PDB file of N, CA and C in Angstrom:
ATOM      1  N   UNK A   1      -3.084 129.307  95.522  1.00  0.00           N
ATOM      2  CA  UNK A   1      -2.828 128.547  94.659  1.00  0.00           C
ATOM      3  C   UNK A   1      -3.150 127.315  94.539  1.00  0.00           C
ATOM      4  N   UNK A   2      -3.535 126.003  93.585  1.00  0.00           N
ATOM      5  CA  UNK A   2      -3.947 124.627  93.784  1.00  0.00           C
ATOM      6  C   UNK A   2      -2.683 124.201  93.755  1.00  0.00           C
ATOM      7  N   UNK A   3      -2.242 122.676  94.426  1.00  0.00           N
ATOM      8  CA  UNK A   3      -1.431 122.344  94.639  1.00  0.00           C
ATOM      9  C   UNK A   3      -0.678 121.946  92.964  1.00  0.00           C
ATOM     10  N   UNK A   4      -1.430 121.996  92.662  1.00  0.00           N
ATOM     11  CA  UNK A   4      -0.669 121.523  90.786  1.00  0.00           C
ATOM     12  C   UNK A   4       0.106 122.568  89.867  1.00  0.00           C
ATOM     13  N   UNK A   5      -0.976 123.890  90.278  1.00  0.00           N
ATOM     14  CA  UNK A   5      -0.161 125.207  89.781  1.00  0.00           C
ATOM     15  C   UNK A   5       0.996 125.436  90.770  1.00  0.00           C
ATOM     16  N   UNK A   6       1.062 125.521  91.884  1.00  0.00           N
ATOM     17  CA  UNK A   6       2.208 125.121  93.275  1.00  0.00           C
ATOM     18  C   UNK A   6       3.653 124.583  92.285  1.00  0.00           C
ATOM     19  N   UNK A   7       2.783 123.650  91.821  1.00  0.00           N
ATOM     20  CA  UNK A   7       4.109 122.177  91.477  1.00  0.00           C
ATOM     21  C   UNK A   7       4.468 122.716  90.194  1.00  0.00           C
ATOM     22  N   UNK A   8       4.036 123.199  89.163  1.00  0.00           N
ATOM     23  CA  UNK A   8       4.214 123.840  87.779  1.00  0.00           C
ATOM     24  C   UNK A   8       5.651 124.538  88.107  1.00  0.00           C
ATOM     25  N   UNK A   9       4.868 126.103  88.547  1.00  0.00           N
ATOM     26  CA  UNK A   9       5.464 127.130  88.866  1.00  0.00           C
ATOM     27  C   UNK A   9       6.710 127.068  89.850  1.00  0.00           C
ATOM     28  N   UNK A  10       6.747 126.219  90.979  1.00  0.00           N
ATOM     29  CA  UNK A  10       7.936 125.706  91.653  1.00  0.00           C
ATOM     30  C   UNK A  10       9.281 125.037  91.215  1.00  0.00           C
ATOM     31  N   UNK A  11       8.425 123.923  89.668  1.00  0.00           N
ATOM     32  CA  UNK A  11       9.683 122.747  89.528  1.00  0.00           C
ATOM     33  C   UNK A  11       9.374 121.672  90.380  1.00  0.00           C
ATOM     34  N   UNK A  12       8.575 121.685  91.386  1.00  0.00           N
ATOM     35  CA  UNK A  12       8.617 120.172  92.292  1.00  0.00           C
ATOM     36  C   UNK A  12       7.415 119.212  91.800  1.00  0.00           C
ATOM     37  N   UNK A  13       7.201 118.349  92.029  1.00  0.00           N
ATOM     38  CA  UNK A  13       6.158 117.730  91.553  1.00  0.00           C
ATOM     39  C   UNK A  13       5.265 117.786  92.983  1.00  0.00           C
ATOM     40  N   UNK A  14       3.922 117.458  92.747  1.00  0.00           N
ATOM     41  CA  UNK A  14       2.613 117.828  93.954  1.00  0.00           C
ATOM     42  C   UNK A  14       3.161 116.845  95.029  1.00  0.00           C
ATOM     43  N   UNK A  15       3.801 115.725  94.887  1.00  0.00           N
ATOM     44  CA  UNK A  15       4.177 114.649  96.099  1.00  0.00           C
ATOM     45  C   UNK A  15       5.155 115.483  96.562  1.00  0.00           C
ATOM     46  N   UNK A  16       5.883 116.229  96.156  1.00  0.00           N
ATOM     47  CA  UNK A  16       7.044 117.010  96.898  1.00  0.00           C
ATOM     48  C   UNK A  16       6.399 117.861  97.994  1.00  0.00           C
ATOM     49  N   UNK A  17       5.497 118.526  97.012  1.00  0.00           N
ATOM     50  CA  UNK A  17       4.832 119.558  98.397  1.00  0.00           C
ATOM     51  C   UNK A  17       3.850 118.996  99.309  1.00  0.00           C
ATOM     52  N   UNK A  18       3.223 117.273  99.281  1.00  0.00           N
ATOM     53  CA  UNK A  18       2.809 116.677 100.019  1.00  0.00           C
ATOM     54  C   UNK A  18       3.477 116.355 101.043  1.00  0.00           C
ATOM     55  N   UNK A  19       4.822 115.828 100.736  1.00  0.00           N
ATOM     56  CA  UNK A  19       6.045 115.281 101.649  1.00  0.00           C
ATOM     57  C   UNK A  19       6.275 116.745 102.690  1.00  0.00           C
ATOM     58  N   UNK A  20       6.780 118.203 101.960  1.00  0.00           N
ATOM     59  CA  UNK A  20       7.052 118.787 102.798  1.00  0.00           C
ATOM     60  C   UNK A  20       6.188 119.613 103.292  1.00  0.00           C
ATOM     61  N   UNK A  21       4.944 119.072 103.118  1.00  0.00           N
ATOM     62  CA  UNK A  21       3.596 119.893 103.940  1.00  0.00           C
ATOM     63  C   UNK A  21       3.952 118.924 105.661  1.00  0.00           C
ATOM     64  N   UNK A  22       3.703 117.261 105.300  1.00  0.00           N
ATOM     65  CA  UNK A  22       3.935 116.563 106.778  1.00  0.00           C
ATOM     66  C   UNK A  22       5.175 116.737 106.969  1.00  0.00           C
ATOM     67  N   UNK A  23       6.114 117.243 106.648  1.00  0.00           N
ATOM     68  CA  UNK A  23       7.620 117.746 107.582  1.00  0.00           C
ATOM     69  C   UNK A  23       7.380 118.829 107.972  1.00  0.00           C
ATOM     70  N   UNK A  24       6.116 119.465 107.554  1.00  0.00           N
ATOM     71  CA  UNK A  24       5.890 120.461 108.533  1.00  0.00           C
ATOM     72  C   UNK A  24       6.903 121.940 107.666  1.00  0.00           C
ATOM     73  N   UNK A  25       7.124 121.935 106.887  1.00  0.00           N
ATOM     74  CA  UNK A  25       7.707 122.834 105.865  1.00  0.00           C
ATOM     75  C   UNK A  25       6.723 123.942 105.091  1.00  0.00           C
ATOM     76  N   UNK A  26       5.656 123.156 104.996  1.00  0.00           N
ATOM     77  CA  UNK A  26       4.857 124.249 104.073  1.00  0.00           C
ATOM     78  C   UNK A  26       3.490 123.443 104.753  1.00  0.00           C
ATOM     79  N   UNK A  27       2.531 124.835 104.810  1.00  0.00           N
ATOM     80  CA  UNK A  27       1.256 124.586 105.378  1.00  0.00           C
ATOM     81  C   UNK A  27       0.037 125.396 104.592  1.00  0.00           C
ATOM     82  N   UNK A  28      -0.385 123.871 103.764  1.00  0.00           N
ATOM     83  CA  UNK A  28      -1.647 124.848 102.966  1.00  0.00           C
ATOM     84  C   UNK A  28      -2.924 125.184 104.054  1.00  0.00           C
ATOM     85  N   UNK A  29      -3.978 125.949 103.477  1.00  0.00           N
ATOM     86  CA  UNK A  29      -4.882 126.049 103.788  1.00  0.00           C
ATOM     87  C   UNK A  29      -6.087 125.304 103.469  1.00  0.00           C
ATOM     88  N   UNK A  30      -6.659 124.419 103.740  1.00  0.00           N
ATOM     89  CA  UNK A  30      -8.337 123.811 103.063  1.00  0.00           C
ATOM     90  C   UNK A  30      -9.150 124.024 103.063  1.00  0.00           C
ATOM     91  N   UNK A  31      -9.569 123.756 102.073  1.00  0.00           N
ATOM     92  CA  UNK A  31     -11.314 124.229 101.351  1.00  0.00           C
ATOM     93  C   UNK A  31     -12.274 123.741 102.148  1.00  0.00           C
ATOM     94  N   UNK A  32     -13.066 124.139 101.894  1.00  0.00           N
ATOM     95  CA  UNK A  32     -14.765 123.169 102.605  1.00  0.00           C
ATOM     96  C   UNK A  32     -14.586 121.465 102.035  1.00  0.00           C
ATOM     97  N   UNK A  33     -14.287 121.852 100.510  1.00  0.00           N
ATOM     98  CA  UNK A  33     -13.857 120.170  99.446  1.00  0.00           C
ATOM     99  C   UNK A  33     -12.803 119.678  99.927  1.00  0.00           C
ATOM    100  N   UNK A  34     -11.520 120.074 101.151  1.00  0.00           N
ATOM    101  CA  UNK A  34     -10.155 119.110 101.261  1.00  0.00           C
ATOM    102  C   UNK A  34      -9.058 119.764 100.682  1.00  0.00           C
ATOM    103  N   UNK A  35      -9.684 120.591  99.479  1.00  0.00           N
ATOM    104  CA  UNK A  35      -8.145 120.680  98.192  1.00  0.00           C
ATOM    105  C   UNK A  35      -7.123 121.696  98.887  1.00  0.00           C
ATOM    106  N   UNK A  36      -6.352 121.836  99.017  1.00  0.00           N
ATOM    107  CA  UNK A  36      -5.122 122.631  99.331  1.00  0.00           C
ATOM    108  C   UNK A  36      -5.167 123.569  98.373  1.00  0.00           C
ATOM    109  N   UNK A  37      -4.794 124.641  99.079  1.00  0.00           N
ATOM    110  CA  UNK A  37      -4.916 126.282  98.699  1.00  0.00           C
ATOM    111  C   UNK A  37      -3.686 126.821  99.972  1.00  0.00           C
ATOM    112  N   UNK A  38      -2.693 127.127  98.587  1.00  0.00           N
ATOM    113  CA  UNK A  38      -1.084 127.951  99.000  1.00  0.00           C
ATOM    114  C   UNK A  38      -1.145 129.365  98.924  1.00  0.00           C
ATOM    115  N   UNK A  39      -0.533 130.126  99.301  1.00  0.00           N
ATOM    116  CA  UNK A  39      -0.291 131.124  99.290  1.00  0.00           C
ATOM    117  C   UNK A  39       1.245 131.852  98.354  1.00  0.00           C
ATOM    118  N   UNK A  40       0.334 132.317  97.785  1.00  0.00           N
ATOM    119  CA  UNK A  40       1.520 133.455  96.758  1.00  0.00           C
ATOM    120  C   UNK A  40       3.379 133.138  97.862  1.00  0.00           C
ATOM    121  N   UNK A  41       3.141 132.719  98.842  1.00  0.00           N
ATOM    122  CA  UNK A  41       4.941 133.393  99.250  1.00  0.00           C
ATOM    123  C   UNK A  41       5.067 131.894  99.263  1.00  0.00           C
ATOM    124  N   UNK A  42       4.316 130.889  99.071  1.00  0.00           N
ATOM    125  CA  UNK A  42       4.835 128.911  99.119  1.00  0.00           C
ATOM    126  C   UNK A  42       5.600 128.951  97.882  1.00  0.00           C
ATOM    127  N   UNK A  43       5.617 129.443  96.862  1.00  0.00           N
ATOM    128  CA  UNK A  43       6.574 129.525  96.032  1.00  0.00           C
ATOM    129  C   UNK A  43       8.102 130.297  96.547  1.00  0.00           C
ATOM    130  N   UNK A  44       8.198 131.329  97.082  1.00  0.00           N
ATOM    131  CA  UNK A  44       9.567 131.610  97.454  1.00  0.00           C
ATOM    132  C   UNK A  44       9.999 130.475  98.721  1.00  0.00           C
ATOM    133  N   UNK A  45       9.682 129.963  99.008  1.00  0.00           N
ATOM    134  CA  UNK A  45       9.186 129.372  99.720  1.00  0.00           C
ATOM    135  C   UNK A  45       9.938 128.007  99.834  1.00  0.00           C
ATOM    136  N   UNK A  46       9.114 127.673  99.231  1.00  0.00           N
ATOM    137  CA  UNK A  46      10.169 126.407  98.311  1.00  0.00           C
ATOM    138  C   UNK A  46      11.097 125.780  97.465  1.00  0.00           C
ATOM    139  N   UNK A  47      11.515 127.180  97.318  1.00  0.00           N
ATOM    140  CA  UNK A  47      12.410 127.963  96.219  1.00  0.00           C
ATOM    141  C   UNK A  47      13.440 127.720  97.240  1.00  0.00           C
ATOM    142  N   UNK A  48      13.685 128.248  98.962  1.00  0.00           N
ATOM    143  CA  UNK A  48      14.333 128.327  99.692  1.00  0.00           C
ATOM    144  C   UNK A  48      14.637 126.735 100.298  1.00  0.00           C
ATOM    145  N   UNK A  49      13.459 126.179 100.076  1.00  0.00           N
ATOM    146  CA  UNK A  49      14.134 124.422 100.446  1.00  0.00           C
ATOM    147  C   UNK A  49      14.530 123.917  99.661  1.00  0.00           C
ATOM    148  N   UNK A  50      14.262 124.223  98.657  1.00  0.00           N
ATOM    149  CA  UNK A  50      15.714 123.201  96.951  1.00  0.00           C
ATOM    150  C   UNK A  50      16.961 123.713  96.502  1.00  0.00           C
ATOM    151  N   UNK A  51      16.441 125.126  97.524  1.00  0.00           N
ATOM    152  CA  UNK A  51      17.872 125.705  97.060  1.00  0.00           C
ATOM    153  C   UNK A  51      19.042 125.557  98.738  1.00  0.00           C
ATOM    154  N   UNK A  52      17.865 125.355  99.481  1.00  0.00           N
ATOM    155  CA  UNK A  52      19.141 124.726 100.706  1.00  0.00           C
ATOM    156  C   UNK A  52      19.050 123.410 100.582  1.00  0.00           C
ATOM    157  N   UNK A  53      18.528 122.245 100.025  1.00  0.00           N
ATOM    158  CA  UNK A  53      18.477 121.288  99.531  1.00  0.00           C
ATOM    159  C   UNK A  53      20.015 120.899  98.548  1.00  0.00           C
ATOM    160  N   UNK A  54      20.197 122.179  97.877  1.00  0.00           N
ATOM    161  CA  UNK A  54      21.146 121.477  96.791  1.00  0.00           C
ATOM    162  C   UNK A  54      22.694 122.120  97.967  1.00  0.00           C
ATOM    163  N   UNK A  55      22.666 122.940  98.635  1.00  0.00           N
ATOM    164  CA  UNK A  55      23.809 123.113  99.447  1.00  0.00           C
ATOM    165  C   UNK A  55      23.946 122.199 100.653  1.00  0.00           C
ATOM    166  N   UNK A  56      22.794 120.663 100.754  1.00  0.00           N
ATOM    167  CA  UNK A  56      23.786 119.909 101.300  1.00  0.00           C
ATOM    168  C   UNK A  56      23.135 120.165 102.898  1.00  0.00           C
ATOM    169  N   UNK A  57      21.555 120.895 102.517  1.00  0.00           N
ATOM    170  CA  UNK A  57      21.074 120.478 103.997  1.00  0.00           C
ATOM    171  C   UNK A  57      20.087 120.063 103.961  1.00  0.00           C
ATOM    172  N   UNK A  58      19.894 118.710 105.185  1.00  0.00           N
ATOM    173  CA  UNK A  58      18.755 117.840 104.968  1.00  0.00           C
ATOM    174  C   UNK A  58      17.435 118.843 104.912  1.00  0.00           C
ATOM    175  N   UNK A  59      16.089 117.853 104.917  1.00  0.00           N
ATOM    176  CA  UNK A  59      14.927 118.394 105.274  1.00  0.00           C
ATOM    177  C   UNK A  59      14.954 118.682 106.569  1.00  0.00           C
ATOM    178  N   UNK A  60      15.580 117.814 108.068  1.00  0.00           N
ATOM    179  CA  UNK A  60      15.494 117.958 109.354  1.00  0.00           C
ATOM    180  C   UNK A  60      15.845 119.750 109.466  1.00  0.00           C
ATOM    181  N   UNK A  61      17.122 119.929 108.796  1.00  0.00           N
ATOM    182  CA  UNK A  61      17.898 120.544 108.980  1.00  0.00           C
ATOM    183  C   UNK A  61      16.961 122.599 108.411  1.00  0.00           C
ATOM    184  N   UNK A  62      17.048 122.173 107.521  1.00  0.00           N
ATOM    185  CA  UNK A  62      15.936 123.186 106.740  1.00  0.00           C
ATOM    186  C   UNK A  62      14.669 123.636 107.959  1.00  0.00           C
ATOM    187  N   UNK A  63      14.297 122.527 108.072  1.00  0.00           N
ATOM    188  CA  UNK A  63      13.151 123.029 109.062  1.00  0.00           C
ATOM    189  C   UNK A  63      13.120 123.358 110.985  1.00  0.00           C
ATOM    190  N   UNK A  64      14.585 123.108 110.954  1.00  0.00           N
ATOM    191  CA  UNK A  64      15.034 123.778 112.370  1.00  0.00           C
ATOM    192  C   UNK A  64      15.465 125.233 111.926  1.00  0.00           C
ATOM    193  N   UNK A  65      15.835 125.552 111.023  1.00  0.00           N
ATOM    194  CA  UNK A  65      16.275 126.666 110.685  1.00  0.00           C
ATOM    195  C   UNK A  65      15.370 127.506 109.956  1.00  0.00           C
ATOM    196  N   UNK A  66      14.089 126.787 109.462  1.00  0.00           N
ATOM    197  CA  UNK A  66      12.838 127.711 108.899  1.00  0.00           C
ATOM    198  C   UNK A  66      12.758 128.786 109.501  1.00  0.00           C
ATOM    199  N   UNK A  67      12.423 128.701 110.632  1.00  0.00           N
ATOM    200  CA  UNK A  67      12.370 129.878 111.184  1.00  0.00           C
ATOM    201  C   UNK A  67      12.565 131.501 111.528  1.00  0.00           C
ATOM    202  N   UNK A  68      14.260 131.158 111.807  1.00  0.00           N
ATOM    203  CA  UNK A  68      15.244 131.827 111.964  1.00  0.00           C
ATOM    204  C   UNK A  68      14.932 132.586 110.647  1.00  0.00           C
ATOM    205  N   UNK A  69      15.620 131.937 109.149  1.00  0.00           N
ATOM    206  CA  UNK A  69      15.682 132.343 108.189  1.00  0.00           C
ATOM    207  C   UNK A  69      14.639 133.317 107.406  1.00  0.00           C
ATOM    208  N   UNK A  70      13.296 132.689 107.749  1.00  0.00           N
ATOM    209  CA  UNK A  70      12.424 133.176 106.640  1.00  0.00           C
ATOM    210  C   UNK A  70      11.474 134.675 107.398  1.00  0.00           C
ATOM    211  N   UNK A  71      12.430 134.705 108.065  1.00  0.00           N
ATOM    212  CA  UNK A  71      11.921 136.024 109.017  1.00  0.00           C
ATOM    213  C   UNK A  71      12.941 137.431 108.218  1.00  0.00           C
ATOM    214  N   UNK A  72      13.191 137.885 107.172  1.00  0.00           N
ATOM    215  CA  UNK A  72      13.479 138.596 106.835  1.00  0.00           C
ATOM    216  C   UNK A  72      14.041 140.174 107.402  1.00  0.00           C
ATOM    217  N   UNK A  73      13.659 140.264 108.212  1.00  0.00           N
ATOM    218  CA  UNK A  73      14.131 141.187 108.903  1.00  0.00           C
ATOM    219  C   UNK A  73      15.107 141.240 109.924  1.00  0.00           C
ATOM    220  N   UNK A  74      15.186 139.453 109.847  1.00  0.00           N
ATOM    221  CA  UNK A  74      15.565 138.833 111.780  1.00  0.00           C
ATOM    222  C   UNK A  74      17.143 137.974 110.954  1.00  0.00           C
ATOM    223  N   UNK A  75      16.954 137.820 110.175  1.00  0.00           N
ATOM    224  CA  UNK A  75      18.188 137.193 109.019  1.00  0.00           C
ATOM    225  C   UNK A  75      18.923 137.983 109.246  1.00  0.00           C
ATOM    226  N   UNK A  76      20.753 137.221 109.958  1.00  0.00           N
ATOM    227  CA  UNK A  76      21.490 138.179 109.830  1.00  0.00           C
ATOM    228  C   UNK A  76      22.732 136.744 109.266  1.00  0.00           C
ATOM    229  N   UNK A  77      23.413 138.192 108.269  1.00  0.00           N
ATOM    230  CA  UNK A  77      24.692 137.409 107.404  1.00  0.00           C
ATOM    231  C   UNK A  77      25.626 136.457 108.362  1.00  0.00           C
ATOM    232  N   UNK A  78      25.461 136.567 109.697  1.00  0.00           N
ATOM    233  CA  UNK A  78      25.887 136.013 111.127  1.00  0.00           C
ATOM    234  C   UNK A  78      25.502 134.478 111.362  1.00  0.00           C
ATOM    235  N   UNK A  79      24.209 134.760 110.852  1.00  0.00           N
ATOM    236  CA  UNK A  79      23.807 133.343 110.999  1.00  0.00           C
ATOM    237  C   UNK A  79      23.919 132.584 110.051  1.00  0.00           C
ATOM    238  N   UNK A  80      23.877 133.004 108.830  1.00  0.00           N
ATOM    239  CA  UNK A  80      23.982 132.284 107.681  1.00  0.00           C
ATOM    240  C   UNK A  80      25.587 131.599 107.771  1.00  0.00           C
ATOM    241  N   UNK A  81      26.249 132.486 107.720  1.00  0.00           N
ATOM    242  CA  UNK A  81      27.756 132.177 107.643  1.00  0.00           C
ATOM    243  C   UNK A  81      28.423 131.113 109.225  1.00  0.00           C
ATOM    244  N   UNK A  82      27.380 131.474 110.098  1.00  0.00           N
ATOM    245  CA  UNK A  82      27.627 130.086 110.902  1.00  0.00           C
ATOM    246  C   UNK A  82      27.029 128.978 110.327  1.00  0.00           C
ATOM    247  N   UNK A  83      25.729 129.469 110.366  1.00  0.00           N
ATOM    248  CA  UNK A  83      25.137 127.873 109.695  1.00  0.00           C
ATOM    249  C   UNK A  83      25.962 126.970 108.545  1.00  0.00           C
ATOM    250  N   UNK A  84      27.136 128.073 107.743  1.00  0.00           N
ATOM    251  CA  UNK A  84      27.244 126.795 106.535  1.00  0.00           C
ATOM    252  C   UNK A  84      28.690 126.875 106.932  1.00  0.00           C
ATOM    253  N   UNK A  85      29.656 127.374 108.269  1.00  0.00           N
ATOM    254  CA  UNK A  85      30.740 127.232 108.481  1.00  0.00           C
ATOM    255  C   UNK A  85      30.040 125.693 109.395  1.00  0.00           C
ATOM    256  N   UNK A  86      29.224 125.533 109.918  1.00  0.00           N
ATOM    257  CA  UNK A  86      28.971 124.333 110.642  1.00  0.00           C
ATOM    258  C   UNK A  86      29.113 123.463 109.259  1.00  0.00           C
ATOM    259  N   UNK A  87      28.018 123.636 107.897  1.00  0.00           N
ATOM    260  CA  UNK A  87      28.341 122.438 107.480  1.00  0.00           C
ATOM    261  C   UNK A  87      29.755 122.042 106.430  1.00  0.00           C
ATOM    262  N   UNK A  88      29.961 123.262 106.577  1.00  0.00           N
ATOM    263  CA  UNK A  88      31.744 123.331 105.427  1.00  0.00           C
ATOM    264  C   UNK A  88      32.645 122.465 106.207  1.00  0.00           C
ATOM    265  N   UNK A  89      32.676 122.559 107.936  1.00  0.00           N
ATOM    266  CA  UNK A  89      33.261 121.410 109.034  1.00  0.00           C
ATOM    267  C   UNK A  89      32.639 119.834 108.936  1.00  0.00           C
ATOM    268  N   UNK A  90      31.517 120.439 108.311  1.00  0.00           N
ATOM    269  CA  UNK A  90      30.669 118.741 108.448  1.00  0.00           C
ATOM    270  C   UNK A  90      30.859 118.304 107.105  1.00  0.00           C
ATOM    271  N   UNK A  91      31.425 118.943 106.117  1.00  0.00           N
ATOM    272  CA  UNK A  91      31.635 118.153 105.079  1.00  0.00           C
ATOM    273  C   UNK A  91      33.474 117.659 105.015  1.00  0.00           C
ATOM    274  N   UNK A  92      34.368 118.820 105.346  1.00  0.00           N
ATOM    275  CA  UNK A  92      35.103 118.302 105.521  1.00  0.00           C
ATOM    276  C   UNK A  92      35.627 117.593 106.248  1.00  0.00           C
ATOM    277  N   UNK A  93      35.088 117.205 107.656  1.00  0.00           N
ATOM    278  CA  UNK A  93      34.966 115.809 107.802  1.00  0.00           C
ATOM    279  C   UNK A  93      34.822 114.526 107.157  1.00  0.00           C
ATOM    280  N   UNK A  94      33.687 114.636 106.520  1.00  0.00           N
ATOM    281  CA  UNK A  94      33.146 113.389 105.980  1.00  0.00           C
ATOM    282  C   UNK A  94      33.821 113.772 104.976  1.00  0.00           C
ATOM    283  N   UNK A  95      34.753 114.325 103.668  1.00  0.00           N
ATOM    284  CA  UNK A  95      35.767 113.946 102.923  1.00  0.00           C
ATOM    285  C   UNK A  95      37.025 113.562 103.274  1.00  0.00           C
ATOM    286  N   UNK A  96      37.706 114.160 105.185  1.00  0.00           N
ATOM    287  CA  UNK A  96      38.957 113.476 105.245  1.00  0.00           C
ATOM    288  C   UNK A  96      38.612 111.390 105.581  1.00  0.00           C
ATOM    289  N   UNK A  97      36.622 111.092 106.124  1.00  0.00           N
ATOM    290  CA  UNK A  97      37.057 110.237 106.248  1.00  0.00           C
ATOM    291  C   UNK A  97      36.955 108.930 104.588  1.00  0.00           C
ATOM    292  N   UNK A  98      36.450 109.639 103.720  1.00  0.00           N
ATOM    293  CA  UNK A  98      36.411 109.213 102.638  1.00  0.00           C
ATOM    294  C   UNK A  98      38.135 109.074 101.857  1.00  0.00           C
ATOM    295  N   UNK A  99      38.381 109.611 102.314  1.00  0.00           N
ATOM    296  CA  UNK A  99      40.248 109.603 101.698  1.00  0.00           C
ATOM    297  C   UNK A  99      40.784 108.801 103.027  1.00  0.00           C
ATOM    298  N   UNK A 100      40.362 108.314 104.103  1.00  0.00           N
ATOM    299  CA  UNK A 100      41.156 107.571 105.132  1.00  0.00           C
ATOM    300  C   UNK A 100      40.259 106.058 104.258  1.00  0.00           C
ATOM    301  N   UNK A 101      39.652 106.164 104.061  1.00  0.00           N
ATOM    302  CA  UNK A 101      38.414 105.189 103.284  1.00  0.00           C
ATOM    303  C   UNK A 101      39.448 104.740 101.728  1.00  0.00           C
ATOM    304  N   UNK A 102      39.972 105.550 101.598  1.00  0.00           N
ATOM    305  CA  UNK A 102      40.169 105.540 100.022  1.00  0.00           C
ATOM    306  C   UNK A 102      41.100 105.091  99.740  1.00  0.00           C
ATOM    307  N   UNK A 103      42.012 105.537 100.647  1.00  0.00           N
ATOM    308  CA  UNK A 103      44.007 105.275 101.034  1.00  0.00           C
ATOM    309  C   UNK A 103      43.741 104.089 101.343  1.00  0.00           C
ATOM    310  N   UNK A 104      42.686 103.097 102.271  1.00  0.00           N
ATOM    311  CA  UNK A 104      42.252 101.736 103.075  1.00  0.00           C
ATOM    312  C   UNK A 104      42.444 100.899 101.682  1.00  0.00           C
ATOM    313  N   UNK A 105      41.675 101.215 100.794  1.00  0.00           N
ATOM    314  CA  UNK A 105      41.177 100.110 100.073  1.00  0.00           C
ATOM    315  C   UNK A 105      42.132 100.027  99.078  1.00  0.00           C
ATOM    316  N   UNK A 106      43.079 101.234  98.422  1.00  0.00           N
ATOM    317  CA  UNK A 106      44.066 101.652  97.825  1.00  0.00           C
ATOM    318  C   UNK A 106      45.422 100.261  98.728  1.00  0.00           C
ATOM    319  N   UNK A 107      45.616 100.799  99.444  1.00  0.00           N
ATOM    320  CA  UNK A 107      46.434  99.635 100.412  1.00  0.00           C
ATOM    321  C   UNK A 107      46.165  97.866 100.159  1.00  0.00           C
ATOM    322  N   UNK A 108      45.040  98.175 100.110  1.00  0.00           N
ATOM    323  CA  UNK A 108      44.370  96.960 100.468  1.00  0.00           C
ATOM    324  C   UNK A 108      44.319  96.083  98.607  1.00  0.00           C
ATOM    325  N   UNK A 109      44.139  97.028  97.578  1.00  0.00           N
ATOM    326  CA  UNK A 109      44.166  96.236  96.243  1.00  0.00           C
ATOM    327  C   UNK A 109      45.471  95.651  95.633  1.00  0.00           C
ATOM    328  N   UNK A 110      46.432  96.418  96.310  1.00  0.00           N
ATOM    329  CA  UNK A 110      47.640  96.189  96.507  1.00  0.00           C
ATOM    330  C   UNK A 110      47.878  94.560  96.520  1.00  0.00           C
ATOM    331  N   UNK A 111      47.074  93.950  97.318  1.00  0.00           N
ATOM    332  CA  UNK A 111      47.489  92.389  98.053  1.00  0.00           C
ATOM    333  C   UNK A 111      46.865  91.253  97.346  1.00  0.00           C
ATOM    334  N   UNK A 112      47.684  90.710  97.998  1.00  0.00           N
ATOM    335  CA  UNK A 112      47.230  89.261  97.381  1.00  0.00           C
ATOM    336  C   UNK A 112      45.813  88.748  97.980  1.00  0.00           C
ATOM    337  N   UNK A 113      45.600  88.702  99.226  1.00  0.00           N
ATOM    338  CA  UNK A 113      44.209  88.448  99.770  1.00  0.00           C
ATOM    339  C   UNK A 113      43.515  89.817 100.011  1.00  0.00           C
ATOM    340  N   UNK A 114      43.425  91.001 100.004  1.00  0.00           N
ATOM    341  CA  UNK A 114      42.516  92.215 100.077  1.00  0.00           C
ATOM    342  C   UNK A 114      41.781  91.977 101.355  1.00  0.00           C
ATOM    343  N   UNK A 115      41.120  91.130 101.640  1.00  0.00           N
ATOM    344  CA  UNK A 115      40.011  90.737 103.079  1.00  0.00           C
ATOM    345  C   UNK A 115      40.799  90.338 104.090  1.00  0.00           C
ATOM    346  N   UNK A 116      41.884  89.983 104.321  1.00  0.00           N
ATOM    347  CA  UNK A 116      42.784  89.468 105.367  1.00  0.00           C
ATOM    348  C   UNK A 116      43.459  90.632 105.558  1.00  0.00           C
ATOM    349  N   UNK A 117      43.787  91.183 104.698  1.00  0.00           N
ATOM    350  CA  UNK A 117      45.372  92.351 104.942  1.00  0.00           C
ATOM    351  C   UNK A 117      46.441  92.062 104.631  1.00  0.00           C
ATOM    352  N   UNK A 118      46.428  90.920 103.956  1.00  0.00           N
ATOM    353  CA  UNK A 118      48.030  90.127 104.674  1.00  0.00           C
ATOM    354  C   UNK A 118      48.321  90.110 103.180  1.00  0.00           C
ATOM    355  N   UNK A 119      49.519  89.854 102.584  1.00  0.00           N
ATOM    356  CA  UNK A 119      49.852  89.273 101.372  1.00  0.00           C
ATOM    357  C   UNK A 119      49.740  87.825 101.571  1.00  0.00           C
ATOM    358  N   UNK A 120      49.263  86.740 100.918  1.00  0.00           N
ATOM    359  CA  UNK A 120      49.764  85.080 101.665  1.00  0.00           C
ATOM    360  C   UNK A 120      50.220  84.505  99.898  1.00  0.00           C
ATOM    361  N   UNK A 121      51.361  84.270 100.143  1.00  0.00           N
ATOM    362  CA  UNK A 121      51.946  83.595  98.803  1.00  0.00           C
ATOM    363  C   UNK A 121      51.208  82.348  98.029  1.00  0.00           C
TER     364      UNK A 121
END
């Protein structure tokens, strides 16, 4: 399939496909005239990339885990559970940081001079 067909069928832009290629996530074959030709499984791979991004994984993380996850015979629920648990722990940490920031802002908002951190008469 050419890049335009993959883009339409996968629901991404051709630029996104080129970016995924630049990051090493997908690998098209090149014809003599330089056109990209993608195998059929690229559609499934792009679907995986999109889903992983929706679940909060960065393209770097996707690239690191792609070899482990793409081989269906070697994918284990334990591996996926570990990856998801690590992501949940990171999100919990970020949520805690955001709550702390929110509380600090709420505390400062009630002060006469919020930037100095003290009530100035």
